[in-house]
Amino acid sequence: MTGTLGITSGTAAEVAMAISQAPTQFAASVTLPALGGAVVGNVVESAVTEATGSKKLGVGAAVAGAAAAGAVIGTFIPIPGVGTAAGAAIGAAVGVIGYAISKWLF
């Protein structure tokens, strides 16, 4: 079981093996989309809210911007064991989570 994060068979095991063999790359592939989503989301929210006067439109645009930023970063920083499309999808989700955490913390 060494190197598989406790998963021993199937596709999940292959991803777990890839992650456990490249933990620094995995950390970067998750952390950078979260940071990018937080920054882009907050910038977009401020700009749209200021331009339209609508907080709801600002937050909606921020979520879309955070997802887009996360997806782009997730595409360029490979997540061990998954393909580019999955990296973009994971990056988008992590970008939105990063934006949400930034709103919760600040």
N, C-alpha and C. Protein backbone atom coordinates (compact mmCIF):
# COMPACT_ATOMS: atom_id res chain seq x y z
N MET A 1 0.80 -1.19 0.00
CA MET A 1 0.00 0.00 0.00
C MET A 1 0.85 1.26 0.00
N THR A 2 2.11 1.18 0.15
CA THR A 2 2.96 2.36 0.16
C THR A 2 2.84 3.09 -1.18
N GLY A 3 2.58 4.41 -1.10
CA GLY A 3 2.50 5.20 -2.32
C GLY A 3 1.14 5.23 -2.96
N THR A 4 0.10 4.71 -2.35
CA THR A 4 -1.22 4.72 -2.97
C THR A 4 -2.25 5.46 -2.14
N LEU A 5 -1.85 6.14 -1.07
CA LEU A 5 -2.76 6.86 -0.20
C LEU A 5 -3.86 5.95 0.34
N GLY A 6 -3.59 4.67 0.45
CA GLY A 6 -4.55 3.71 1.00
C GLY A 6 -5.51 3.13 -0.03
N ILE A 7 -5.45 3.57 -1.29
CA ILE A 7 -6.32 3.05 -2.35
C ILE A 7 -5.48 2.06 -3.15
N THR A 8 -6.03 0.86 -3.38
CA THR A 8 -5.18 -0.18 -3.95
C THR A 8 -5.60 -0.68 -5.33
N SER A 9 -6.73 -0.24 -5.89
CA SER A 9 -7.09 -0.74 -7.22
C SER A 9 -7.94 0.28 -7.97
N GLY A 10 -7.98 0.14 -9.31
CA GLY A 10 -8.82 0.99 -10.14
C GLY A 10 -8.20 2.34 -10.46
N THR A 11 -8.97 3.16 -11.15
CA THR A 11 -8.50 4.47 -11.58
C THR A 11 -8.13 5.35 -10.39
N ALA A 12 -8.90 5.29 -9.33
CA ALA A 12 -8.57 6.08 -8.14
C ALA A 12 -7.20 5.71 -7.61
N ALA A 13 -6.86 4.43 -7.69
CA ALA A 13 -5.55 3.99 -7.23
C ALA A 13 -4.44 4.58 -8.10
N GLU A 14 -4.69 4.66 -9.40
CA GLU A 14 -3.69 5.24 -10.30
C GLU A 14 -3.48 6.72 -10.00
N VAL A 15 -4.58 7.44 -9.76
CA VAL A 15 -4.47 8.86 -9.41
C VAL A 15 -3.76 9.01 -8.07
N ALA A 16 -4.15 8.17 -7.09
CA ALA A 16 -3.51 8.23 -5.78
C ALA A 16 -2.01 7.97 -5.88
N MET A 17 -1.63 7.03 -6.70
CA MET A 17 -0.21 6.72 -6.89
C MET A 17 0.50 7.92 -7.51
N ALA A 18 -0.10 8.52 -8.53
CA ALA A 18 0.52 9.67 -9.19
C ALA A 18 0.67 10.84 -8.21
N ILE A 19 -0.35 11.08 -7.40
CA ILE A 19 -0.29 12.18 -6.43
C ILE A 19 0.79 11.90 -5.39
N SER A 20 0.82 10.67 -4.88
CA SER A 20 1.80 10.36 -3.83
C SER A 20 3.23 10.38 -4.35
N GLN A 21 3.42 10.24 -5.66
CA GLN A 21 4.75 10.31 -6.23
C GLN A 21 5.17 11.74 -6.55
N ALA A 22 4.21 12.67 -6.56
CA ALA A 22 4.52 14.06 -6.88
C ALA A 22 3.74 15.00 -5.96
N PRO A 23 3.97 14.92 -4.65
CA PRO A 23 3.16 15.72 -3.72
C PRO A 23 3.32 17.22 -3.89
N THR A 24 4.51 17.69 -4.25
CA THR A 24 4.71 19.12 -4.43
C THR A 24 3.95 19.62 -5.64
N GLN A 25 3.99 18.87 -6.72
CA GLN A 25 3.25 19.25 -7.92
C GLN A 25 1.76 19.25 -7.63
N PHE A 26 1.27 18.26 -6.87
CA PHE A 26 -0.14 18.22 -6.52
C PHE A 26 -0.51 19.44 -5.67
N ALA A 27 0.33 19.79 -4.72
CA ALA A 27 0.05 20.95 -3.87
C ALA A 27 -0.04 22.22 -4.71
N ALA A 28 0.85 22.38 -5.65
CA ALA A 28 0.82 23.56 -6.53
C ALA A 28 -0.41 23.55 -7.41
N SER A 29 -0.79 22.36 -7.90
CA SER A 29 -1.93 22.28 -8.82
C SER A 29 -3.25 22.53 -8.12
N VAL A 30 -3.27 22.48 -6.81
CA VAL A 30 -4.49 22.80 -6.05
C VAL A 30 -4.41 24.20 -5.45
N THR A 31 -3.26 24.59 -4.97
CA THR A 31 -3.12 25.89 -4.31
C THR A 31 -3.21 27.05 -5.30
N LEU A 32 -2.54 26.95 -6.43
CA LEU A 32 -2.52 28.07 -7.37
C LEU A 32 -3.89 28.39 -7.97
N PRO A 33 -4.71 27.39 -8.36
CA PRO A 33 -6.06 27.75 -8.81
C PRO A 33 -6.90 28.39 -7.70
N ALA A 34 -6.71 27.97 -6.46
CA ALA A 34 -7.45 28.57 -5.34
C ALA A 34 -7.06 30.04 -5.17
N LEU A 35 -5.76 30.32 -5.21
CA LEU A 35 -5.31 31.70 -5.09
C LEU A 35 -5.77 32.55 -6.28
N GLY A 36 -5.64 31.99 -7.46
CA GLY A 36 -6.09 32.71 -8.66
C GLY A 36 -7.58 33.00 -8.62
N GLY A 37 -8.37 32.01 -8.21
CA GLY A 37 -9.81 32.22 -8.10
C GLY A 37 -10.16 33.28 -7.08
N ALA A 38 -9.45 33.29 -5.97
CA ALA A 38 -9.70 34.28 -4.93
C ALA A 38 -9.40 35.69 -5.43
N VAL A 39 -8.25 35.86 -6.06
CA VAL A 39 -7.86 37.18 -6.55
C VAL A 39 -8.79 37.65 -7.66
N VAL A 40 -8.96 36.82 -8.68
CA VAL A 40 -9.80 37.21 -9.82
C VAL A 40 -11.24 37.43 -9.37
N GLY A 41 -11.75 36.53 -8.56
CA GLY A 41 -13.13 36.66 -8.08
C GLY A 41 -13.37 37.98 -7.36
N ASN A 42 -12.47 38.36 -6.49
CA ASN A 42 -12.63 39.61 -5.75
C ASN A 42 -12.49 40.85 -6.63
N VAL A 43 -11.57 40.81 -7.58
CA VAL A 43 -11.40 41.93 -8.51
C VAL A 43 -12.65 42.08 -9.38
N VAL A 44 -13.14 40.97 -9.91
CA VAL A 44 -14.33 41.01 -10.76
C VAL A 44 -15.54 41.46 -9.96
N GLU A 45 -15.70 40.92 -8.75
CA GLU A 45 -16.84 41.32 -7.91
C GLU A 45 -16.85 42.83 -7.68
N SER A 46 -15.72 43.39 -7.31
CA SER A 46 -15.63 44.83 -7.06
C SER A 46 -15.96 45.63 -8.32
N ALA A 47 -15.39 45.25 -9.45
CA ALA A 47 -15.60 45.99 -10.69
C ALA A 47 -17.05 45.93 -11.14
N VAL A 48 -17.65 44.75 -11.12
CA VAL A 48 -19.03 44.61 -11.59
C VAL A 48 -20.01 45.28 -10.62
N THR A 49 -19.78 45.12 -9.33
CA THR A 49 -20.65 45.76 -8.35
C THR A 49 -20.58 47.29 -8.50
N GLU A 50 -19.38 47.80 -8.68
CA GLU A 50 -19.22 49.25 -8.85
C GLU A 50 -19.88 49.73 -10.14
N ALA A 51 -19.72 48.97 -11.22
CA ALA A 51 -20.26 49.38 -12.52
C ALA A 51 -21.78 49.29 -12.58
N THR A 52 -22.36 48.28 -11.93
CA THR A 52 -23.80 48.05 -12.05
C THR A 52 -24.58 48.46 -10.81
N GLY A 53 -23.92 48.57 -9.69
CA GLY A 53 -24.60 48.86 -8.44
C GLY A 53 -25.32 47.66 -7.86
N SER A 54 -25.11 46.49 -8.45
CA SER A 54 -25.79 45.27 -8.01
C SER A 54 -24.79 44.29 -7.39
N LYS A 55 -24.94 44.04 -6.11
CA LYS A 55 -24.08 43.07 -5.42
C LYS A 55 -24.31 41.66 -5.99
N LYS A 56 -25.57 41.33 -6.33
CA LYS A 56 -25.87 40.00 -6.88
C LYS A 56 -25.15 39.78 -8.21
N LEU A 57 -25.18 40.78 -9.09
CA LEU A 57 -24.45 40.64 -10.35
C LEU A 57 -22.96 40.54 -10.10
N GLY A 58 -22.46 41.31 -9.14
CA GLY A 58 -21.04 41.27 -8.81
C GLY A 58 -20.60 39.90 -8.34
N VAL A 59 -21.39 39.30 -7.45
CA VAL A 59 -21.05 37.97 -6.93
C VAL A 59 -21.16 36.92 -8.04
N GLY A 60 -22.19 37.01 -8.86
CA GLY A 60 -22.34 36.06 -9.97
C GLY A 60 -21.18 36.12 -10.93
N ALA A 61 -20.79 37.34 -11.28
CA ALA A 61 -19.64 37.51 -12.17
C ALA A 61 -18.36 37.04 -11.51
N ALA A 62 -18.25 37.25 -10.20
CA ALA A 62 -17.06 36.81 -9.46
C ALA A 62 -16.92 35.30 -9.49
N VAL A 63 -18.03 34.60 -9.29
CA VAL A 63 -17.99 33.14 -9.32
C VAL A 63 -17.56 32.65 -10.70
N ALA A 64 -18.13 33.26 -11.75
CA ALA A 64 -17.74 32.87 -13.11
C ALA A 64 -16.27 33.18 -13.36
N GLY A 65 -15.81 34.35 -12.90
CA GLY A 65 -14.40 34.71 -13.08
C GLY A 65 -13.46 33.81 -12.32
N ALA A 66 -13.85 33.46 -11.09
CA ALA A 66 -13.02 32.56 -10.27
C ALA A 66 -12.94 31.18 -10.92
N ALA A 67 -14.06 30.71 -11.44
CA ALA A 67 -14.06 29.40 -12.12
C ALA A 67 -13.18 29.43 -13.36
N ALA A 68 -13.28 30.51 -14.13
CA ALA A 68 -12.47 30.62 -15.34
C ALA A 68 -10.98 30.68 -15.01
N ALA A 69 -10.63 31.48 -14.01
CA ALA A 69 -9.22 31.58 -13.60
C ALA A 69 -8.71 30.23 -13.12
N GLY A 70 -9.49 29.56 -12.29
CA GLY A 70 -9.08 28.25 -11.79
C GLY A 70 -8.92 27.23 -12.91
N ALA A 71 -9.84 27.29 -13.88
CA ALA A 71 -9.76 26.35 -15.01
C ALA A 71 -8.50 26.58 -15.84
N VAL A 72 -8.19 27.83 -16.11
CA VAL A 72 -6.98 28.13 -16.89
C VAL A 72 -5.74 27.66 -16.15
N ILE A 73 -5.66 27.99 -14.87
CA ILE A 73 -4.49 27.57 -14.08
C ILE A 73 -4.45 26.04 -13.98
N GLY A 74 -5.61 25.41 -13.77
CA GLY A 74 -5.66 23.94 -13.68
C GLY A 74 -5.25 23.26 -14.97
N THR A 75 -5.42 23.94 -16.09
CA THR A 75 -5.02 23.40 -17.39
C THR A 75 -3.50 23.45 -17.56
N PHE A 76 -2.89 24.54 -17.09
CA PHE A 76 -1.46 24.73 -17.29
C PHE A 76 -0.58 24.08 -16.23
N ILE A 77 -1.14 23.80 -15.06
CA ILE A 77 -0.38 23.13 -14.00
C ILE A 77 -0.99 21.75 -13.85
N PRO A 78 -0.40 20.74 -14.44
CA PRO A 78 -1.01 19.41 -14.45
C PRO A 78 -1.20 18.82 -13.05
N ILE A 79 -2.35 18.21 -12.86
CA ILE A 79 -2.62 17.48 -11.63
C ILE A 79 -2.19 16.05 -11.88
N PRO A 80 -1.31 15.52 -11.05
CA PRO A 80 -0.80 14.17 -11.30
C PRO A 80 -1.93 13.15 -11.42
N GLY A 81 -1.88 12.36 -12.48
CA GLY A 81 -2.82 11.26 -12.65
C GLY A 81 -4.12 11.61 -13.35
N VAL A 82 -4.34 12.87 -13.72
CA VAL A 82 -5.56 13.23 -14.45
C VAL A 82 -5.18 13.98 -15.72
N GLY A 83 -6.08 13.98 -16.68
CA GLY A 83 -5.83 14.65 -17.95
C GLY A 83 -6.10 16.15 -17.88
N THR A 84 -5.91 16.81 -19.01
CA THR A 84 -6.06 18.26 -19.10
C THR A 84 -7.50 18.70 -18.84
N ALA A 85 -8.47 18.01 -19.42
CA ALA A 85 -9.88 18.39 -19.22
C ALA A 85 -10.28 18.24 -17.76
N ALA A 86 -9.86 17.15 -17.15
CA ALA A 86 -10.16 16.96 -15.72
C ALA A 86 -9.43 18.00 -14.89
N GLY A 87 -8.22 18.36 -15.27
CA GLY A 87 -7.47 19.40 -14.57
C GLY A 87 -8.19 20.74 -14.64
N ALA A 88 -8.77 21.04 -15.81
CA ALA A 88 -9.52 22.29 -15.95
C ALA A 88 -10.77 22.28 -15.08
N ALA A 89 -11.48 21.15 -15.05
CA ALA A 89 -12.69 21.04 -14.24
C ALA A 89 -12.36 21.15 -12.75
N ILE A 90 -11.32 20.46 -12.34
CA ILE A 90 -10.90 20.52 -10.94
C ILE A 90 -10.42 21.93 -10.61
N GLY A 91 -9.66 22.53 -11.51
CA GLY A 91 -9.18 23.90 -11.31
C GLY A 91 -10.33 24.89 -11.16
N ALA A 92 -11.38 24.72 -11.98
CA ALA A 92 -12.55 25.61 -11.89
C ALA A 92 -13.22 25.48 -10.53
N ALA A 93 -13.41 24.25 -10.09
CA ALA A 93 -14.03 24.04 -8.78
C ALA A 93 -13.17 24.62 -7.66
N VAL A 94 -11.88 24.38 -7.74
CA VAL A 94 -10.97 24.90 -6.71
C VAL A 94 -10.92 26.43 -6.75
N GLY A 95 -11.00 27.01 -7.94
CA GLY A 95 -11.03 28.47 -8.05
C GLY A 95 -12.23 29.07 -7.35
N VAL A 96 -13.39 28.46 -7.54
CA VAL A 96 -14.61 28.94 -6.86
C VAL A 96 -14.49 28.75 -5.35
N ILE A 97 -13.94 27.62 -4.94
CA ILE A 97 -13.74 27.38 -3.51
C ILE A 97 -12.79 28.42 -2.93
N GLY A 98 -11.72 28.74 -3.67
CA GLY A 98 -10.77 29.76 -3.22
C GLY A 98 -11.44 31.12 -3.05
N TYR A 99 -12.29 31.48 -4.01
CA TYR A 99 -13.03 32.74 -3.91
C TYR A 99 -13.95 32.72 -2.68
N ALA A 100 -14.67 31.62 -2.50
CA ALA A 100 -15.59 31.51 -1.35
C ALA A 100 -14.84 31.60 -0.02
N ILE A 101 -13.71 30.95 0.05
CA ILE A 101 -12.91 31.02 1.30
C ILE A 101 -12.43 32.45 1.53
N SER A 102 -12.05 33.14 0.47
CA SER A 102 -11.59 34.53 0.64
C SER A 102 -12.71 35.41 1.18
N LYS A 103 -13.93 35.16 0.78
CA LYS A 103 -15.06 35.95 1.27
C LYS A 103 -15.35 35.59 2.74
N TRP A 104 -15.16 34.36 3.07
CA TRP A 104 -15.40 33.90 4.44
C TRP A 104 -14.33 34.44 5.39
N LEU A 105 -13.08 34.47 4.94
CA LEU A 105 -11.98 34.91 5.78
C LEU A 105 -11.91 36.43 5.91
N PHE A 106 -12.27 37.13 4.85
CA PHE A 106 -12.10 38.59 4.85
C PHE A 106 -13.45 39.22 4.71
